[in-house]
Protein backbone atom coordinates (compact mmCIF):
# COMPACT_ATOMS: atom_id res chain seq x y z
CA MET A 1 41.40 127.90 95.80
CA ALA A 2 44.51 130.81 94.98
CA PRO A 3 47.97 130.37 94.22
CA ASP A 4 49.21 131.91 97.38
CA ASP A 5 47.34 129.54 99.21
CA GLU A 6 49.49 126.40 98.07
CA THR A 7 51.49 124.76 100.87
CA PRO A 8 55.17 124.32 99.38
CA ARG A 9 55.93 120.49 98.00
CA ARG A 10 57.22 117.80 99.75
CA THR A 11 60.62 116.64 99.31
CA ARG A 12 60.63 112.61 99.23
CA VAL A 13 64.22 111.26 101.31
CA VAL A 14 65.54 108.64 100.86
CA LEU A 15 68.23 107.39 102.89
CA GLY A 16 69.83 105.02 100.78
CA GLU A 17 70.93 108.33 99.69
CA VAL A 18 71.50 109.58 102.79
CA ALA A 19 73.67 107.26 103.61
CA ALA A 20 76.02 107.16 100.11
CA ARG A 21 76.53 111.15 101.08
CA SER A 22 77.41 109.86 104.59
CA ARG A 23 79.57 107.10 103.71
CA PRO A 24 83.77 108.01 104.93
CA ALA A 25 85.34 107.87 101.14
CA ASP A 26 88.82 107.20 103.15
CA LEU A 27 88.87 103.15 104.32
CA THR A 28 91.86 103.53 106.79
CA ARG A 29 89.88 105.98 108.98
CA THR A 30 87.49 103.82 108.95
CA ASP A 31 89.10 100.79 109.10
CA LEU A 32 90.88 101.95 112.49
CA ALA A 33 87.58 103.45 114.28
CA GLU A 34 84.96 100.02 113.94
CA GLN A 35 88.35 98.28 114.41
CA THR A 36 89.16 95.52 111.31
CA PRO A 37 92.09 93.82 111.09
CA VAL A 38 93.41 96.35 108.82
CA GLY A 39 93.22 99.10 111.69
CA GLU A 40 94.59 96.40 114.77
CA ALA A 41 97.87 96.45 112.29
CA LEU A 42 97.98 99.99 111.45
CA VAL A 43 97.96 100.25 114.88
CA LYS A 44 100.39 97.78 116.71
CA GLY A 45 102.72 98.70 113.51
CA LEU A 46 103.17 102.15 115.38
CA MET A 47 103.29 100.25 118.59
CA ARG A 48 106.30 98.61 117.73
CA ALA A 49 108.01 101.76 115.93
CA GLN A 50 107.56 103.25 119.35
CA LEU A 51 108.17 99.97 121.75
CA ALA A 52 111.99 100.14 118.95
CA LEU A 53 112.56 103.44 119.73
CA ALA A 54 112.09 103.25 123.27
CA LEU A 55 114.00 100.06 123.89
CA ARG A 56 116.63 101.74 121.10
CA LEU A 57 117.39 104.22 123.72
CA ALA A 58 116.96 102.68 126.75
CA LEU A 59 120.31 100.46 125.44
CA VAL A 60 122.23 103.70 124.78
CA VAL A 61 120.70 105.14 128.66
CA VAL A 62 122.08 100.89 129.74
CA ILE A 63 125.38 101.05 128.15
CA ALA A 64 126.77 104.71 128.30
CA LEU A 65 125.72 104.88 132.06
CA GLY A 66 126.45 101.18 133.02
CA ALA A 67 130.19 101.71 131.16
CA LEU A 68 131.35 104.11 133.86
CA PRO A 69 131.60 101.57 136.94
CA LEU A 70 133.46 99.33 134.75
CA LEU A 71 135.60 101.66 133.40
CA PHE A 72 136.49 103.20 136.94
CA VAL A 73 136.40 99.13 138.18
CA ALA A 74 139.57 98.94 135.04
CA ALA A 75 140.57 101.58 135.66
CA PRO A 76 141.74 102.98 139.12
CA GLY A 77 143.56 105.74 137.88
CA VAL A 78 140.98 107.46 136.78
CA ALA A 79 138.30 107.32 139.69
CA GLU A 80 141.72 109.04 141.51
CA PHE A 81 141.42 111.75 138.57
CA LYS A 82 140.24 115.31 139.56
CA ILE A 83 138.76 117.88 138.04
CA PHE A 84 138.21 121.64 140.23
CA GLY A 85 138.62 119.11 143.65
CA ILE A 86 136.41 117.09 142.55
CA TYR A 87 137.25 113.79 141.83
CA LEU A 88 135.88 112.26 138.48
CA PRO A 89 132.97 109.06 138.86
CA TRP A 90 131.45 112.20 140.90
CA LEU A 91 131.40 115.02 138.33
CA LEU A 92 129.92 112.11 135.43
CA LEU A 93 127.49 110.21 137.44
CA GLY A 94 126.78 112.72 139.99
CA VAL A 95 126.26 115.99 137.69
CA ALA A 96 127.42 114.80 133.89
CA ALA A 97 124.31 112.00 133.75
CA PHE A 98 121.70 114.40 134.35
CA PRO A 99 121.96 116.70 131.20
CA PHE A 100 122.72 113.18 129.84
CA LEU A 101 119.48 111.39 130.67
CA LEU A 102 117.74 114.88 129.20
CA VAL A 103 118.97 115.09 126.11
CA VAL A 104 117.78 111.50 125.87
CA GLY A 105 114.56 111.88 127.45
CA TRP A 106 114.14 114.89 124.68
CA ALA A 107 115.13 112.55 122.11
CA TYR A 108 113.12 110.28 122.66
CA VAL A 109 109.75 112.66 122.50
CA ARG A 110 111.12 114.00 119.49
CA TRP A 111 111.30 110.69 117.56
CA ALA A 112 107.79 109.10 118.66
CA GLU A 113 106.15 112.10 117.32
CA ARG A 114 108.06 111.67 114.57
CA ASN A 115 107.01 108.24 114.37
CA GLU A 116 103.21 109.50 114.99
CA GLN A 117 103.11 112.11 112.63
CA ASP A 118 103.94 109.24 110.12
CA PHE A 119 101.40 106.71 111.45
CA ILE A 120 99.01 110.09 110.31
CA ALA A 121 100.31 110.56 107.57
CA VAL A 122 99.49 107.33 106.40
CA ILE A 123 96.23 107.36 107.77
CA ARG A 124 95.02 110.35 105.42
CA ARG A 125 96.81 109.26 102.95
CA PRO A 126 94.35 109.14 100.41
CA GLU A 127 92.77 105.65 98.84
CA ARG A 128 94.00 104.68 95.38
């Protein structure tokens, strides 16, 4: 047999070596993917933070918009005040309330995204 006719040498593949190489080094991501108790705790922490944020901002809206009718009942003179021929309650509840709600909504989205970025930073943090 001539050296040109030789077939290439076979290499042996061992599954243990392949599995060891493909195993993720980051256990936090594995905990999330496999829904272990640690992963569940991380997700519940994010959900708790988002819920707390939503409740705080809802409380701000309820206090701000709910206090206006109380102000008008407690001080009837304020309710009779006119700006550009329009009563103040109409301006506050009919016009100013919408930009206020837009600002609260914008703040919620911004802070919720910050919570999610913090969560991602925790997940991507290298294990020590």
